[in-house]
Structures are given as C-alpha cells and as structure tokens.
C-alpha cells in the first residue's frame, strides 16, 4: 500500500499501516490484528476475518492500465470476492449501500496492488550468519515488500522448506506462499 503525494511522487508505506502510523509502535498502528495483540519475530499468527473490506482504495490491477478508483474490495476466505466502484459524488448526495465486513480498513489516498511473485529465491535455513530467526525474518521482509508467493530454487534444504510451508499453512509462522522446487 502506498500513498500518493502530488509534489513528491509516490511514498512507500508499511504494508498494513495508515500514513500517520508509520513511526508508531506496531501495537498502536491500525493493523489487521486487534488492539492489544503484539507481533513478535516468530509466532505471530495474525487474524483471519470472514469478510474483510478494504475501503476507498485506488486499484492497480496488474494489467498495465492506469490505477483507478476509489473502489471497495471485499476479501472472503483469503481471496478477493468482489471489487465495487465507488462514486464519491453519490456518497455526498445519497447514502448508497456499501460493502460491510467483520473488519473495514479505510485506505483513502492509498494504492492496492496484486501480490508480487518472486520466481527465483534462495532461503538460507541453516546458515549460522542468519541465526535461528533468519528465514522467519526473510519471509516477513518479503511480505512487507508485497511479495506474497515465492518459488524457492533449492539450497539442499527442501525438507526444512516443506516444513515451513506446512507451518505457514497451519498459521504457526508468517510466510508467503511457498513453492519448493528443489
């Protein structure tokens, strides 16, 4: 998610924050996790909502066309279920029915884009330089930069990567979708 500033161009913002929250501690930000839940380097599980609405977003659809919006985006079961164009003029004159959900995130002035895919990555699992949290940190760094799927190219660590894939599916670690190619 990015914020557009006409005089300075695009300014990158942390993935799940509001522009004013960039320098706040994670627990105080408007993130997907409920208030009071703290994130740690390992063991952060996040929250899954049945219906998540991303409201008033500018959408970069990945088809090479200019961004458009504002739109409301409904996410159900981890997948985009509906994208609804929003007419700002009608919102001021009438009270049209808007998408509702268990959680509504107002991203006015920000851009939403499809998840990025890294097709060639090596994750160092047993490298002493990275330490025991190295892969977990790498996964979170990828996610923070919008990479939601990675295809690993092996490193002699396929068994550990498959274990990470299983742990991620069980929501025990935070990681992008893992495609282990070996």
C-alpha atoms as a PDB file:
ATOM      1  CA  UNK A   1       0.000   0.000   0.000  1.00  0.00           C
ATOM      2  CA  UNK A   2       1.425   3.370  -0.960  1.00  0.00           C
ATOM      3  CA  UNK A   3       0.329   6.962  -0.507  1.00  0.00           C
ATOM      4  CA  UNK A   4       0.439   9.377  -3.424  1.00  0.00           C
ATOM      5  CA  UNK A   5       1.840  12.853  -2.811  1.00  0.00           C
ATOM      6  CA  UNK A   6       1.443  15.158  -5.839  1.00  0.00           C
ATOM      7  CA  UNK A   7       4.541  17.248  -5.111  1.00  0.00           C
ATOM      8  CA  UNK A   8       6.880  14.373  -4.255  1.00  0.00           C
ATOM      9  CA  UNK A   9       5.528  11.364  -6.187  1.00  0.00           C
ATOM     10  CA  UNK A  10       4.809   8.015  -4.538  1.00  0.00           C
ATOM     11  CA  UNK A  11       5.889   7.430  -0.960  1.00  0.00           C
ATOM     12  CA  UNK A  12       6.082   3.820   0.211  1.00  0.00           C
ATOM     13  CA  UNK A  13       4.228   2.987   3.390  1.00  0.00           C
ATOM     14  CA  UNK A  14       4.465  -0.106   5.592  1.00  0.00           C
ATOM     15  CA  UNK A  15       2.076  -2.693   4.158  1.00  0.00           C
ATOM     16  CA  UNK A  16      -0.725  -2.616   6.756  1.00  0.00           C
ATOM     17  CA  UNK A  17      -0.484   0.890   8.186  1.00  0.00           C
ATOM     18  CA  UNK A  18      -2.015   4.310   7.710  1.00  0.00           C
ATOM     19  CA  UNK A  19       0.413   7.077   6.616  1.00  0.00           C
ATOM     20  CA  UNK A  20       0.250   8.756  10.040  1.00  0.00           C
ATOM     21  CA  UNK A  21       1.082   5.478  11.770  1.00  0.00           C
ATOM     22  CA  UNK A  22       4.404   4.709  10.093  1.00  0.00           C
ATOM     23  CA  UNK A  23       6.506   5.702  13.081  1.00  0.00           C
ATOM     24  CA  UNK A  24       4.171   4.336  15.777  1.00  0.00           C
ATOM     25  CA  UNK A  25       4.885   1.083  17.606  1.00  0.00           C
ATOM     26  CA  UNK A  26       3.211  -1.884  15.888  1.00  0.00           C
ATOM     27  CA  UNK A  27       0.707  -2.398  18.717  1.00  0.00           C
ATOM     28  CA  UNK A  28      -0.614   1.175  18.254  1.00  0.00           C
ATOM     29  CA  UNK A  29      -0.962   1.057  14.458  1.00  0.00           C
ATOM     30  CA  UNK A  30      -4.168   0.444  12.561  1.00  0.00           C
ATOM     31  CA  UNK A  31      -3.138  -3.061  11.506  1.00  0.00           C
ATOM     32  CA  UNK A  32      -5.152  -6.169  10.801  1.00  0.00           C
ATOM     33  CA  UNK A  33      -4.545  -7.576  14.287  1.00  0.00           C
ATOM     34  CA  UNK A  34      -6.902  -6.432  17.067  1.00  0.00           C
ATOM     35  CA  UNK A  35      -5.720  -3.818  19.542  1.00  0.00           C
ATOM     36  CA  UNK A  36      -3.560  -5.227  22.277  1.00  0.00           C
ATOM     37  CA  UNK A  37      -2.184  -8.100  20.205  1.00  0.00           C
ATOM     38  CA  UNK A  38       1.567  -7.697  19.772  1.00  0.00           C
ATOM     39  CA  UNK A  39       3.634  -9.073  16.947  1.00  0.00           C
ATOM     40  CA  UNK A  40       6.924 -10.860  17.569  1.00  0.00           C
ATOM     41  CA  UNK A  41       9.514 -12.086  15.112  1.00  0.00           C
ATOM     42  CA  UNK A  42       8.276 -15.645  15.473  1.00  0.00           C
ATOM     43  CA  UNK A  43       4.893 -16.973  16.414  1.00  0.00           C
ATOM     44  CA  UNK A  44       2.818 -14.054  15.099  1.00  0.00           C
ATOM     45  CA  UNK A  45      -0.389 -15.526  13.810  1.00  0.00           C
ATOM     46  CA  UNK A  46      -2.412 -12.572  12.600  1.00  0.00           C
ATOM     47  CA  UNK A  47      -6.181 -12.576  12.418  1.00  0.00           C
ATOM     48  CA  UNK A  48      -8.391 -14.034   9.720  1.00  0.00           C
ATOM     49  CA  UNK A  49     -11.717 -12.335   9.101  1.00  0.00           C
ATOM     50  CA  UNK A  50     -14.617 -13.965   7.291  1.00  0.00           C
ATOM     51  CA  UNK A  51     -15.350 -10.682   5.498  1.00  0.00           C
ATOM     52  CA  UNK A  52     -12.641  -8.049   5.201  1.00  0.00           C
ATOM     53  CA  UNK A  53     -13.433  -4.801   3.389  1.00  0.00           C
ATOM     54  CA  UNK A  54     -10.700  -2.516   2.061  1.00  0.00           C
ATOM     55  CA  UNK A  55     -12.496   0.803   1.586  1.00  0.00           C
ATOM     56  CA  UNK A  56     -11.798   3.688  -0.842  1.00  0.00           C
ATOM     57  CA  UNK A  57      -8.647   2.195  -2.406  1.00  0.00           C
ATOM     58  CA  UNK A  58      -7.019   3.199  -5.663  1.00  0.00           C
ATOM     59  CA  UNK A  59      -6.527  -0.091  -7.512  1.00  0.00           C
ATOM     60  CA  UNK A  60      -3.508  -1.094  -9.579  1.00  0.00           C
ATOM     61  CA  UNK A  61      -4.907  -4.178 -11.297  1.00  0.00           C
ATOM     62  CA  UNK A  62      -1.675  -5.530 -12.781  1.00  0.00           C
ATOM     63  CA  UNK A  63      -2.904  -5.359 -16.394  1.00  0.00           C
ATOM     64  CA  UNK A  64      -0.764  -2.397 -17.408  1.00  0.00           C
ATOM     65  CA  UNK A  65      -3.609   0.112 -17.200  1.00  0.00           C
ATOM     66  CA  UNK A  66      -3.548   3.234 -15.027  1.00  0.00           C
ATOM     67  CA  UNK A  67      -4.769   2.908 -11.423  1.00  0.00           C
ATOM     68  CA  UNK A  68      -8.478   3.543 -10.962  1.00  0.00           C
ATOM     69  CA  UNK A  69     -10.810   4.141  -8.071  1.00  0.00           C
ATOM     70  CA  UNK A  70     -11.834   4.665  -5.476  1.00  0.00           C
ATOM     71  CA  UNK A  71     -13.039   1.087  -5.051  1.00  0.00           C
ATOM     72  CA  UNK A  72     -14.183  -1.068  -2.156  1.00  0.00           C
ATOM     73  CA  UNK A  73     -12.608  -4.533  -2.111  1.00  0.00           C
ATOM     74  CA  UNK A  74     -14.262  -7.479  -0.355  1.00  0.00           C
ATOM     75  CA  UNK A  75     -11.949 -10.308   0.754  1.00  0.00           C
ATOM     76  CA  UNK A  76     -13.592 -13.584   1.796  1.00  0.00           C
ATOM     77  CA  UNK A  77     -11.654 -16.698   2.701  1.00  0.00           C
ATOM     78  CA  UNK A  78      -8.339 -15.034   1.857  1.00  0.00           C
ATOM     79  CA  UNK A  79      -9.437 -14.281  -1.724  1.00  0.00           C
ATOM     80  CA  UNK A  80     -10.816 -11.172  -3.405  1.00  0.00           C
ATOM     81  CA  UNK A  81     -14.532 -11.859  -3.766  1.00  0.00           C
ATOM     82  CA  UNK A  82     -15.748  -8.518  -5.109  1.00  0.00           C
ATOM     83  CA  UNK A  83     -14.469  -5.136  -6.275  1.00  0.00           C
ATOM     84  CA  UNK A  84     -17.055  -2.343  -6.285  1.00  0.00           C
ATOM     85  CA  UNK A  85     -16.509   1.050  -7.900  1.00  0.00           C
ATOM     86  CA  UNK A  86     -17.313   3.920  -5.526  1.00  0.00           C
ATOM     87  CA  UNK A  87     -18.809   7.164  -6.821  1.00  0.00           C
ATOM     88  CA  UNK A  88     -17.613   9.913  -4.432  1.00  0.00           C
ATOM     89  CA  UNK A  89     -20.278  12.343  -5.694  1.00  0.00           C
ATOM     90  CA  UNK A  90     -23.097   9.894  -4.912  1.00  0.00           C
ATOM     91  CA  UNK A  91     -21.620   9.290  -1.461  1.00  0.00           C
ATOM     92  CA  UNK A  92     -22.007  13.003  -0.667  1.00  0.00           C
ATOM     93  CA  UNK A  93     -25.563  13.279  -2.045  1.00  0.00           C
ATOM     94  CA  UNK A  94     -27.080   9.948  -1.060  1.00  0.00           C
ATOM     95  CA  UNK A  95     -26.341   7.158   1.333  1.00  0.00           C
ATOM     96  CA  UNK A  96     -25.676   4.267  -1.023  1.00  0.00           C
ATOM     97  CA  UNK A  97     -25.234   0.825   0.452  1.00  0.00           C
ATOM     98  CA  UNK A  98     -21.546  -0.018   0.875  1.00  0.00           C
ATOM     99  CA  UNK A  99     -19.819  -3.330   1.391  1.00  0.00           C
ATOM    100  CA  UNK A 100     -19.652  -4.327   5.048  1.00  0.00           C
ATOM    101  CA  UNK A 101     -17.496  -6.873   6.808  1.00  0.00           C
ATOM    102  CA  UNK A 102     -16.109  -8.131  10.106  1.00  0.00           C
ATOM    103  CA  UNK A 103     -13.295  -5.637   9.614  1.00  0.00           C
ATOM    104  CA  UNK A 104     -13.258  -2.496   7.455  1.00  0.00           C
ATOM    105  CA  UNK A 105      -9.954  -0.784   6.670  1.00  0.00           C
ATOM    106  CA  UNK A 106     -10.085   2.777   5.314  1.00  0.00           C
ATOM    107  CA  UNK A 107      -7.231   3.196   2.826  1.00  0.00           C
ATOM    108  CA  UNK A 108      -8.310   6.510   1.294  1.00  0.00           C
ATOM    109  CA  UNK A 109      -5.394   8.022  -0.624  1.00  0.00           C
ATOM    110  CA  UNK A 110      -3.518   4.705  -0.798  1.00  0.00           C
ATOM    111  CA  UNK A 111      -2.945   2.221  -3.592  1.00  0.00           C
ATOM    112  CA  UNK A 112      -3.674  -1.519  -3.561  1.00  0.00           C
ATOM    113  CA  UNK A 113      -1.870  -3.844  -5.942  1.00  0.00           C
ATOM    114  CA  UNK A 114      -1.855  -7.608  -6.536  1.00  0.00           C
ATOM    115  CA  UNK A 115       0.623  -9.688  -4.572  1.00  0.00           C
ATOM    116  CA  UNK A 116       4.046  -9.964  -6.191  1.00  0.00           C
ATOM    117  CA  UNK A 117       5.682 -13.310  -7.017  1.00  0.00           C
ATOM    118  CA  UNK A 118       9.431 -13.956  -6.643  1.00  0.00           C
ATOM    119  CA  UNK A 119      10.226 -16.803  -9.041  1.00  0.00           C
ATOM    120  CA  UNK A 120      13.858 -17.306  -8.018  1.00  0.00           C
ATOM    121  CA  UNK A 121      14.859 -17.075  -4.375  1.00  0.00           C
ATOM    122  CA  UNK A 122      17.225 -18.909  -2.053  1.00  0.00           C
ATOM    123  CA  UNK A 123      16.243 -19.032   1.628  1.00  0.00           C
ATOM    124  CA  UNK A 124      19.220 -19.780   3.894  1.00  0.00           C
ATOM    125  CA  UNK A 125      17.857 -22.131   6.517  1.00  0.00           C
ATOM    126  CA  UNK A 126      20.939 -23.453   8.275  1.00  0.00           C
ATOM    127  CA  UNK A 127      23.334 -20.548   7.792  1.00  0.00           C
ATOM    128  CA  UNK A 128      24.967 -19.524  11.105  1.00  0.00           C
ATOM    129  CA  UNK A 129      25.146 -15.910   9.894  1.00  0.00           C
ATOM    130  CA  UNK A 130      21.346 -15.616   9.714  1.00  0.00           C
ATOM    131  CA  UNK A 131      20.646 -17.197  13.093  1.00  0.00           C
ATOM    132  CA  UNK A 132      17.599 -19.269  14.042  1.00  0.00           C
ATOM    133  CA  UNK A 133      15.142 -16.473  13.125  1.00  0.00           C
ATOM    134  CA  UNK A 134      16.782 -15.768   9.726  1.00  0.00           C
ATOM    135  CA  UNK A 135      14.176 -17.464   7.500  1.00  0.00           C
ATOM    136  CA  UNK A 136      11.267 -16.034   9.524  1.00  0.00           C
ATOM    137  CA  UNK A 137      12.743 -12.548   9.177  1.00  0.00           C
ATOM    138  CA  UNK A 138      13.256 -13.092   5.429  1.00  0.00           C
ATOM    139  CA  UNK A 139       9.626 -14.195   4.997  1.00  0.00           C
ATOM    140  CA  UNK A 140       8.312 -11.139   6.836  1.00  0.00           C
ATOM    141  CA  UNK A 141      10.598  -8.852   4.853  1.00  0.00           C
ATOM    142  CA  UNK A 142       9.258 -10.324   1.602  1.00  0.00           C
ATOM    143  CA  UNK A 143       5.662  -9.838   2.760  1.00  0.00           C
ATOM    144  CA  UNK A 144       6.377  -6.261   3.847  1.00  0.00           C
ATOM    145  CA  UNK A 145       7.530  -5.551   0.289  1.00  0.00           C
ATOM    146  CA  UNK A 146       4.385  -7.026  -1.266  1.00  0.00           C
ATOM    147  CA  UNK A 147       5.796 -10.443  -2.218  1.00  0.00           C
ATOM    148  CA  UNK A 148       3.040 -12.931  -1.385  1.00  0.00           C
ATOM    149  CA  UNK A 149       4.373 -16.002  -3.251  1.00  0.00           C
ATOM    150  CA  UNK A 150       7.917 -17.309  -3.591  1.00  0.00           C
ATOM    151  CA  UNK A 151       9.352 -20.151  -5.653  1.00  0.00           C
ATOM    152  CA  UNK A 152      12.486 -21.451  -3.986  1.00  0.00           C
ATOM    153  CA  UNK A 153      15.352 -22.725  -6.080  1.00  0.00           C
ATOM    154  CA  UNK A 154      16.680 -25.148  -3.526  1.00  0.00           C
ATOM    155  CA  UNK A 155      19.751 -24.923  -1.404  1.00  0.00           C
ATOM    156  CA  UNK A 156      19.812 -28.507  -0.201  1.00  0.00           C
ATOM    157  CA  UNK A 157      17.153 -27.558   2.353  1.00  0.00           C
ATOM    158  CA  UNK A 158      13.957 -28.799   0.708  1.00  0.00           C
ATOM    159  CA  UNK A 159      12.812 -30.746   3.778  1.00  0.00           C
ATOM    160  CA  UNK A 160      13.059 -27.673   6.006  1.00  0.00           C
ATOM    161  CA  UNK A 161      11.308 -25.514   3.408  1.00  0.00           C
ATOM    162  CA  UNK A 162       8.488 -28.045   3.154  1.00  0.00           C
ATOM    163  CA  UNK A 163       8.237 -27.910   6.955  1.00  0.00           C
ATOM    164  CA  UNK A 164       7.997 -24.091   6.776  1.00  0.00           C
ATOM    165  CA  UNK A 165       5.271 -24.470   4.138  1.00  0.00           C
ATOM    166  CA  UNK A 166       3.342 -26.763   6.496  1.00  0.00           C
ATOM    167  CA  UNK A 167       3.816 -24.415   9.477  1.00  0.00           C
ATOM    168  CA  UNK A 168       2.647 -21.475   7.397  1.00  0.00           C
ATOM    169  CA  UNK A 169      -0.463 -23.383   6.280  1.00  0.00           C
ATOM    170  CA  UNK A 170      -1.212 -24.105   9.949  1.00  0.00           C
ATOM    171  CA  UNK A 171      -0.742 -20.380  10.728  1.00  0.00           C
ATOM    172  CA  UNK A 172       2.173 -21.125  13.077  1.00  0.00           C
ATOM    173  CA  UNK A 173       4.626 -18.908  11.185  1.00  0.00           C
ATOM    174  CA  UNK A 174       4.124 -15.898   8.937  1.00  0.00           C
ATOM    175  CA  UNK A 175       5.382 -16.606   5.423  1.00  0.00           C
ATOM    176  CA  UNK A 176       4.487 -16.044   1.784  1.00  0.00           C
ATOM    177  CA  UNK A 177       3.000 -18.938  -0.207  1.00  0.00           C
ATOM    178  CA  UNK A 178       5.935 -21.311  -0.643  1.00  0.00           C
ATOM    179  CA  UNK A 179       6.546 -23.248  -3.852  1.00  0.00           C
ATOM    180  CA  UNK A 180       9.506 -25.569  -3.197  1.00  0.00           C
ATOM    181  CA  UNK A 181      11.259 -26.579  -6.433  1.00  0.00           C
ATOM    182  CA  UNK A 182      14.463 -28.193  -5.119  1.00  0.00           C
END
